[in-house]
Amino acid sequence: MEKEKKSKKKVLLYYLILAACLLVIAAVTVTLVLTVGQKDPSDIIDNKPGVTTPDDDNKPGDNNDPNKDPNKDPNKDPDNKPTVTTGVFGLPMQSAPVSAGYEFRYDVTLDRYCVHQGMDFEAAAGTQVCAVLEGTVAEIVTDHIIGENYVKINHTNGMTSTYKYIDAKSGLKVGDSVKCGDVIGTIAQANGMEMKQGEHLHLEISVDGKNADPDVYLDIVEK
């Protein structure tokens, strides 16, 4: 009987010790969880190699970025801005009204709406056409398949001017240097893709291969 009591006491003591160990383990676990949960996330980021914090002085776009141009407007696309060109622009004719600008409009010849990528000057056949800026004659087309004969002149800074629906001046050739106001041809009979608009000069300006509004340089259209 006495042995049985001692055996029960040992079992009870064992369970008490086991329960105490479990309580200690649970307490340690809860403490670790609370400690990690309260840790500042920025401390974890700071300790990771190769990861920068939001407070880095040289982060992209910051005013302290040495590669940032302080004069550059991020809202403007430099590819769409016409290149600044030196020189004084003149008119392609002494007196001729603008019949169509660089705009989205109805094309009576093609019977559709489209972007008119140039500026039209209404004038009678035979009216002299002049270079709007000094440059070098790059192309002369006198036998276009649909009558869109033209003269193209290269200027500085990647700019070109093209004069469509004209007859090139006799003797003018590729490579010739022309000055602003020099006669390069005369208005031809109405023909080509704008023939229903009557006799006129179609002037195009391009900068680095991209069409630009001629009025940006000529400044003759009332705003």
C-alpha atoms as a PDB file:
ATOM      1  CA  MET A   1       0.000   0.000   0.000  1.00  0.00           C
ATOM      2  CA  GLU A   2       2.819   2.335   0.970  1.00  0.00           C
ATOM      3  CA  LYS A   3       4.630   1.560  -2.311  1.00  0.00           C
ATOM      4  CA  GLU A   4       1.513   2.393  -4.311  1.00  0.00           C
ATOM      5  CA  LYS A   5       1.252   5.812  -2.651  1.00  0.00           C
ATOM      6  CA  LYS A   6       4.905   6.578  -3.387  1.00  0.00           C
ATOM      7  CA  SER A   7       4.416   5.577  -7.038  1.00  0.00           C
ATOM      8  CA  LYS A   8       1.427   7.919  -7.387  1.00  0.00           C
ATOM      9  CA  LYS A   9       3.423  10.778  -5.863  1.00  0.00           C
ATOM     10  CA  LYS A  10       6.224  10.255  -8.374  1.00  0.00           C
ATOM     11  CA  VAL A  11       3.769  10.309 -11.289  1.00  0.00           C
ATOM     12  CA  LEU A  12       2.144  13.476  -9.935  1.00  0.00           C
ATOM     13  CA  LEU A  13       5.523  15.148  -9.507  1.00  0.00           C
ATOM     14  CA  TYR A  14       6.473  14.193 -13.068  1.00  0.00           C
ATOM     15  CA  TYR A  15       3.346  15.828 -14.497  1.00  0.00           C
ATOM     16  CA  LEU A  16       3.900  18.940 -12.392  1.00  0.00           C
ATOM     17  CA  ILE A  17       7.456  19.271 -13.713  1.00  0.00           C
ATOM     18  CA  LEU A  18       6.247  18.680 -17.306  1.00  0.00           C
ATOM     19  CA  ALA A  19       3.544  21.330 -16.930  1.00  0.00           C
ATOM     20  CA  ALA A  20       6.047  23.836 -15.542  1.00  0.00           C
ATOM     21  CA  CYS A  21       8.357  23.206 -18.519  1.00  0.00           C
ATOM     22  CA  LEU A  22       5.512  23.740 -20.963  1.00  0.00           C
ATOM     23  CA  LEU A  23       4.589  27.026 -19.269  1.00  0.00           C
ATOM     24  CA  VAL A  24       8.193  28.219 -19.490  1.00  0.00           C
ATOM     25  CA  ILE A  25       8.370  27.305 -23.200  1.00  0.00           C
ATOM     26  CA  ALA A  26       5.071  29.075 -23.886  1.00  0.00           C
ATOM     27  CA  ALA A  27       6.242  32.199 -22.062  1.00  0.00           C
ATOM     28  CA  VAL A  28       9.493  32.296 -24.025  1.00  0.00           C
ATOM     29  CA  THR A  29       7.618  31.838 -27.321  1.00  0.00           C
ATOM     30  CA  VAL A  30       5.166  34.659 -26.575  1.00  0.00           C
ATOM     31  CA  THR A  31       8.040  36.970 -25.612  1.00  0.00           C
ATOM     32  CA  LEU A  32       9.889  36.282 -28.886  1.00  0.00           C
ATOM     33  CA  VAL A  33       6.758  36.870 -30.972  1.00  0.00           C
ATOM     34  CA  LEU A  34       6.035  40.185 -29.285  1.00  0.00           C
ATOM     35  CA  THR A  35       9.637  41.313 -29.612  1.00  0.00           C
ATOM     36  CA  VAL A  36       9.832  40.576 -33.367  1.00  0.00           C
ATOM     37  CA  GLY A  37       6.406  42.110 -33.984  1.00  0.00           C
ATOM     38  CA  GLN A  38       7.460  45.391 -32.435  1.00  0.00           C
ATOM     39  CA  LYS A  39      10.732  45.647 -34.403  1.00  0.00           C
ATOM     40  CA  ASP A  40      10.916  48.695 -36.723  1.00  0.00           C
ATOM     41  CA  PRO A  41      10.712  47.484 -40.369  1.00  0.00           C
ATOM     42  CA  SER A  42      13.233  50.132 -41.352  1.00  0.00           C
ATOM     43  CA  ASP A  43      15.796  48.463 -39.070  1.00  0.00           C
ATOM     44  CA  ILE A  44      15.328  45.237 -40.998  1.00  0.00           C
ATOM     45  CA  ILE A  45      15.795  47.041 -44.344  1.00  0.00           C
ATOM     46  CA  ASP A  46      18.890  48.839 -43.091  1.00  0.00           C
ATOM     47  CA  ASN A  47      20.484  45.517 -42.159  1.00  0.00           C
ATOM     48  CA  LYS A  48      19.899  43.948 -45.573  1.00  0.00           C
ATOM     49  CA  PRO A  49      22.887  44.350 -47.903  1.00  0.00           C
ATOM     50  CA  GLY A  50      22.182  46.086 -51.201  1.00  0.00           C
ATOM     51  CA  VAL A  51      18.821  47.576 -50.136  1.00  0.00           C
ATOM     52  CA  THR A  52      18.460  51.321 -49.783  1.00  0.00           C
ATOM     53  CA  THR A  53      15.971  53.150 -47.598  1.00  0.00           C
ATOM     54  CA  PRO A  54      13.543  55.853 -48.758  1.00  0.00           C
ATOM     55  CA  ASP A  55      15.734  58.463 -47.029  1.00  0.00           C
ATOM     56  CA  ASP A  56      18.747  57.887 -49.289  1.00  0.00           C
ATOM     57  CA  ASP A  57      20.105  61.269 -50.409  1.00  0.00           C
ATOM     58  CA  ASN A  58      20.861  60.086 -53.940  1.00  0.00           C
ATOM     59  CA  LYS A  59      17.600  58.299 -54.729  1.00  0.00           C
ATOM     60  CA  PRO A  60      16.419  58.716 -58.383  1.00  0.00           C
ATOM     61  CA  GLY A  61      14.436  61.898 -58.936  1.00  0.00           C
ATOM     62  CA  ASP A  62      15.727  63.597 -55.789  1.00  0.00           C
ATOM     63  CA  ASN A  63      16.900  67.181 -56.032  1.00  0.00           C
ATOM     64  CA  ASN A  64      20.366  66.061 -54.939  1.00  0.00           C
ATOM     65  CA  ASP A  65      20.710  63.624 -57.833  1.00  0.00           C
ATOM     66  CA  PRO A  66      23.948  64.690 -59.598  1.00  0.00           C
ATOM     67  CA  ASN A  67      22.623  63.318 -62.910  1.00  0.00           C
ATOM     68  CA  LYS A  68      19.464  65.438 -62.835  1.00  0.00           C
ATOM     69  CA  ASP A  69      19.299  68.542 -65.004  1.00  0.00           C
ATOM     70  CA  PRO A  70      17.740  71.296 -62.850  1.00  0.00           C
ATOM     71  CA  ASN A  71      16.578  73.127 -65.998  1.00  0.00           C
ATOM     72  CA  LYS A  72      14.830  70.120 -67.529  1.00  0.00           C
ATOM     73  CA  ASP A  73      11.023  70.051 -67.436  1.00  0.00           C
ATOM     74  CA  PRO A  74       9.946  66.412 -66.831  1.00  0.00           C
ATOM     75  CA  ASN A  75       6.524  67.163 -68.334  1.00  0.00           C
ATOM     76  CA  LYS A  76       7.961  68.001 -71.735  1.00  0.00           C
ATOM     77  CA  ASP A  77       9.184  65.445 -74.253  1.00  0.00           C
ATOM     78  CA  PRO A  78      12.426  66.759 -75.798  1.00  0.00           C
ATOM     79  CA  ASP A  79      11.812  64.678 -78.934  1.00  0.00           C
ATOM     80  CA  ASN A  80       8.737  66.794 -79.735  1.00  0.00           C
ATOM     81  CA  LYS A  81      10.439  70.145 -79.323  1.00  0.00           C
ATOM     82  CA  PRO A  82      11.680  71.740 -82.582  1.00  0.00           C
ATOM     83  CA  THR A  83      15.421  72.224 -82.751  1.00  0.00           C
ATOM     84  CA  VAL A  84      16.453  75.849 -82.391  1.00  0.00           C
ATOM     85  CA  THR A  85      17.761  77.066 -85.729  1.00  0.00           C
ATOM     86  CA  THR A  86      19.915  80.099 -86.335  1.00  0.00           C
ATOM     87  CA  GLY A  87      19.056  82.503 -89.135  1.00  0.00           C
ATOM     88  CA  VAL A  88      16.214  84.793 -90.119  1.00  0.00           C
ATOM     89  CA  PHE A  89      13.194  83.307 -91.898  1.00  0.00           C
ATOM     90  CA  GLY A  90      11.526  85.023 -94.818  1.00  0.00           C
ATOM     91  CA  LEU A  91       8.264  84.443 -96.675  1.00  0.00           C
ATOM     92  CA  PRO A  92       8.154  82.083 -99.669  1.00  0.00           C
ATOM     93  CA  MET A  93       6.313  84.746-101.696  1.00  0.00           C
ATOM     94  CA  GLN A  94       6.067  88.509-101.443  1.00  0.00           C
ATOM     95  CA  SER A  95       2.290  88.565-101.210  1.00  0.00           C
ATOM     96  CA  ALA A  96       0.152  85.441-100.914  1.00  0.00           C
ATOM     97  CA  PRO A  97      -2.679  84.549 -98.509  1.00  0.00           C
ATOM     98  CA  VAL A  98      -2.443  81.385 -96.421  1.00  0.00           C
ATOM     99  CA  SER A  99      -5.192  79.046 -97.613  1.00  0.00           C
ATOM    100  CA  ALA A 100      -4.459  76.135 -95.254  1.00  0.00           C
ATOM    101  CA  GLY A 101      -2.341  75.728 -92.145  1.00  0.00           C
ATOM    102  CA  TYR A 102      -0.707  72.836 -90.337  1.00  0.00           C
ATOM    103  CA  GLU A 103      -3.910  71.347 -88.950  1.00  0.00           C
ATOM    104  CA  PHE A 104      -6.495  68.580 -88.963  1.00  0.00           C
ATOM    105  CA  ARG A 105      -8.870  69.468 -91.784  1.00  0.00           C
ATOM    106  CA  TYR A 106     -11.039  68.207 -94.614  1.00  0.00           C
ATOM    107  CA  ASP A 107      -9.095  67.436 -97.804  1.00  0.00           C
ATOM    108  CA  VAL A 108     -11.346  68.179-100.790  1.00  0.00           C
ATOM    109  CA  THR A 109      -9.101  66.249-103.187  1.00  0.00           C
ATOM    110  CA  LEU A 110      -8.902  63.068-101.124  1.00  0.00           C
ATOM    111  CA  ASP A 111     -12.453  63.550 -99.767  1.00  0.00           C
ATOM    112  CA  ARG A 112     -11.454  62.795 -96.184  1.00  0.00           C
ATOM    113  CA  TYR A 113     -10.307  64.395 -92.953  1.00  0.00           C
ATOM    114  CA  CYS A 114      -6.579  64.240 -92.281  1.00  0.00           C
ATOM    115  CA  VAL A 115      -3.662  66.188 -90.848  1.00  0.00           C
ATOM    116  CA  HIS A 116      -2.411  68.759 -93.316  1.00  0.00           C
ATOM    117  CA  GLN A 117       1.319  68.564 -92.655  1.00  0.00           C
ATOM    118  CA  GLY A 118       2.334  71.859 -94.161  1.00  0.00           C
ATOM    119  CA  MET A 119       1.187  75.381 -95.021  1.00  0.00           C
ATOM    120  CA  ASP A 120      -0.496  76.339 -98.289  1.00  0.00           C
ATOM    121  CA  PHE A 121      -0.108  79.725 -99.999  1.00  0.00           C
ATOM    122  CA  GLU A 122      -2.663  80.547-102.678  1.00  0.00           C
ATOM    123  CA  ALA A 123      -1.113  82.100-105.808  1.00  0.00           C
ATOM    124  CA  ALA A 124      -1.464  82.024-109.570  1.00  0.00           C
ATOM    125  CA  ALA A 125       0.698  79.810-111.745  1.00  0.00           C
ATOM    126  CA  GLY A 126       3.979  81.518-112.576  1.00  0.00           C
ATOM    127  CA  THR A 127       4.274  83.333-109.220  1.00  0.00           C
ATOM    128  CA  GLN A 128       7.864  83.264-107.992  1.00  0.00           C
ATOM    129  CA  VAL A 129       8.709  81.094-104.962  1.00  0.00           C
ATOM    130  CA  CYS A 130      11.643  81.964-102.696  1.00  0.00           C
ATOM    131  CA  ALA A 131      13.712  80.080-100.128  1.00  0.00           C
ATOM    132  CA  VAL A 132      12.563  80.860 -96.577  1.00  0.00           C
ATOM    133  CA  LEU A 133      16.052  80.364 -95.132  1.00  0.00           C
ATOM    134  CA  GLU A 134      19.589  80.016 -96.422  1.00  0.00           C
ATOM    135  CA  GLY A 135      20.734  76.494 -97.137  1.00  0.00           C
ATOM    136  CA  THR A 136      21.751  73.944 -99.758  1.00  0.00           C
ATOM    137  CA  VAL A 137      19.517  72.432-102.428  1.00  0.00           C
ATOM    138  CA  ALA A 138      19.095  68.747-101.524  1.00  0.00           C
ATOM    139  CA  GLU A 139      16.504  67.514-104.066  1.00  0.00           C
ATOM    140  CA  ILE A 140      14.820  68.727-107.238  1.00  0.00           C
ATOM    141  CA  VAL A 141      11.917  66.657-108.614  1.00  0.00           C
ATOM    142  CA  THR A 142      10.558  67.773-111.996  1.00  0.00           C
ATOM    143  CA  ASP A 143       8.847  64.602-113.253  1.00  0.00           C
ATOM    144  CA  HIS A 144       6.840  63.313-110.289  1.00  0.00           C
ATOM    145  CA  ILE A 145       4.408  60.566-111.290  1.00  0.00           C
ATOM    146  CA  ILE A 146       1.340  62.578-110.197  1.00  0.00           C
ATOM    147  CA  GLY A 147       2.751  66.023-110.767  1.00  0.00           C
ATOM    148  CA  GLU A 148       3.896  66.761-107.206  1.00  0.00           C
ATOM    149  CA  ASN A 149       7.120  68.381-108.339  1.00  0.00           C
ATOM    150  CA  TYR A 150       9.132  69.950-105.536  1.00  0.00           C
ATOM    151  CA  VAL A 151      12.388  71.469-104.357  1.00  0.00           C
ATOM    152  CA  LYS A 152      13.915  70.482-101.017  1.00  0.00           C
ATOM    153  CA  ILE A 153      16.507  72.591 -99.214  1.00  0.00           C
ATOM    154  CA  ASN A 154      18.678  71.504 -96.288  1.00  0.00           C
ATOM    155  CA  HIS A 155      19.348  74.065 -93.566  1.00  0.00           C
ATOM    156  CA  THR A 156      21.391  73.976 -90.351  1.00  0.00           C
ATOM    157  CA  ASN A 157      20.568  71.891 -87.246  1.00  0.00           C
ATOM    158  CA  GLY A 158      18.769  69.118 -89.159  1.00  0.00           C
ATOM    159  CA  MET A 159      16.083  71.376 -90.645  1.00  0.00           C
ATOM    160  CA  THR A 160      14.707  71.074 -94.194  1.00  0.00           C
ATOM    161  CA  SER A 161      12.126  73.041 -96.178  1.00  0.00           C
ATOM    162  CA  THR A 162      10.171  71.485 -99.055  1.00  0.00           C
ATOM    163  CA  TYR A 163       8.294  73.493-101.704  1.00  0.00           C
ATOM    164  CA  LYS A 164       5.642  71.397-103.491  1.00  0.00           C
ATOM    165  CA  TYR A 165       3.615  72.050-106.641  1.00  0.00           C
ATOM    166  CA  ILE A 166       6.237  74.331-108.173  1.00  0.00           C
ATOM    167  CA  ASP A 167       8.416  74.338-111.272  1.00  0.00           C
ATOM    168  CA  ALA A 168      12.078  74.563-110.282  1.00  0.00           C
ATOM    169  CA  LYS A 169      14.007  77.579-111.511  1.00  0.00           C
ATOM    170  CA  SER A 170      15.957  76.942-114.701  1.00  0.00           C
ATOM    171  CA  GLY A 171      19.586  76.165-113.906  1.00  0.00           C
ATOM    172  CA  LEU A 172      18.944  75.332-110.252  1.00  0.00           C
ATOM    173  CA  LYS A 173      20.705  72.110-109.302  1.00  0.00           C
ATOM    174  CA  VAL A 174      21.363  69.906-106.305  1.00  0.00           C
ATOM    175  CA  GLY A 175      24.244  71.229-104.220  1.00  0.00           C
ATOM    176  CA  ASP A 176      23.589  74.892-104.989  1.00  0.00           C
ATOM    177  CA  SER A 177      23.726  77.282-102.055  1.00  0.00           C
ATOM    178  CA  VAL A 178      20.739  79.603-101.688  1.00  0.00           C
ATOM    179  CA  LYS A 179      20.055  82.541 -99.424  1.00  0.00           C
ATOM    180  CA  CYS A 180      16.810  83.599 -97.795  1.00  0.00           C
ATOM    181  CA  GLY A 181      14.735  85.302-100.494  1.00  0.00           C
ATOM    182  CA  ASP A 182      16.476  83.685-103.476  1.00  0.00           C
ATOM    183  CA  VAL A 183      14.017  82.562-106.169  1.00  0.00           C
ATOM    184  CA  ILE A 184      13.981  78.762-106.487  1.00  0.00           C
ATOM    185  CA  GLY A 185      10.966  78.284-108.781  1.00  0.00           C
ATOM    186  CA  THR A 186       7.439  79.310-109.755  1.00  0.00           C
ATOM    187  CA  ILE A 187       3.952  78.066-108.898  1.00  0.00           C
ATOM    188  CA  ALA A 188       2.902  75.247-111.255  1.00  0.00           C
ATOM    189  CA  GLN A 189      -0.531  74.312-112.599  1.00  0.00           C
ATOM    190  CA  ALA A 190      -2.781  72.630-110.005  1.00  0.00           C
ATOM    191  CA  ASN A 191      -1.908  68.960-109.816  1.00  0.00           C
ATOM    192  CA  GLY A 192      -1.195  66.067-107.474  1.00  0.00           C
ATOM    193  CA  MET A 193      -2.909  65.169-104.228  1.00  0.00           C
ATOM    194  CA  GLU A 194      -4.113  68.746-103.639  1.00  0.00           C
ATOM    195  CA  MET A 195      -5.183  69.581-107.181  1.00  0.00           C
ATOM    196  CA  LYS A 196      -8.779  70.499-106.210  1.00  0.00           C
ATOM    197  CA  GLN A 197      -7.419  73.276-104.022  1.00  0.00           C
ATOM    198  CA  GLY A 198      -6.266  75.130-107.095  1.00  0.00           C
ATOM    199  CA  GLU A 199      -2.858  76.613-107.838  1.00  0.00           C
ATOM    200  CA  HIS A 200      -0.819  77.076-104.685  1.00  0.00           C
ATOM    201  CA  LEU A 201       2.469  76.441-102.894  1.00  0.00           C
ATOM    202  CA  HIS A 202       2.540  73.680-100.300  1.00  0.00           C
ATOM    203  CA  LEU A 203       5.405  74.422 -97.873  1.00  0.00           C
ATOM    204  CA  GLU A 204       6.658  71.782 -95.443  1.00  0.00           C
ATOM    205  CA  ILE A 205       9.219  72.179 -92.642  1.00  0.00           C
ATOM    206  CA  SER A 206      10.882  69.231 -90.935  1.00  0.00           C
ATOM    207  CA  VAL A 207      13.338  69.054 -88.046  1.00  0.00           C
ATOM    208  CA  ASP A 208      15.451  65.911 -87.674  1.00  0.00           C
ATOM    209  CA  GLY A 209      13.087  64.084 -90.014  1.00  0.00           C
ATOM    210  CA  LYS A 210       9.900  65.074 -88.163  1.00  0.00           C
ATOM    211  CA  ASN A 211       7.310  67.393 -89.661  1.00  0.00           C
ATOM    212  CA  ALA A 212       6.849  70.712 -87.874  1.00  0.00           C
ATOM    213  CA  ASP A 213       4.365  73.558 -88.169  1.00  0.00           C
ATOM    214  CA  PRO A 214       5.878  76.130 -90.575  1.00  0.00           C
ATOM    215  CA  ASP A 215       4.136  78.929 -88.691  1.00  0.00           C
ATOM    216  CA  VAL A 216       6.355  78.234 -85.672  1.00  0.00           C
ATOM    217  CA  TYR A 217       9.132  79.803 -87.757  1.00  0.00           C
ATOM    218  CA  LEU A 218       7.255  82.101 -90.164  1.00  0.00           C
ATOM    219  CA  ASP A 219       4.780  83.452 -87.580  1.00  0.00           C
ATOM    220  CA  ILE A 220       2.282  84.810 -90.074  1.00  0.00           C
ATOM    221  CA  VAL A 221      -1.009  83.218 -88.996  1.00  0.00           C
ATOM    222  CA  GLU A 222      -3.171  85.392 -86.743  1.00  0.00           C
ATOM    223  CA  LYS A 223      -3.457  83.830 -83.298  1.00  0.00           C
END
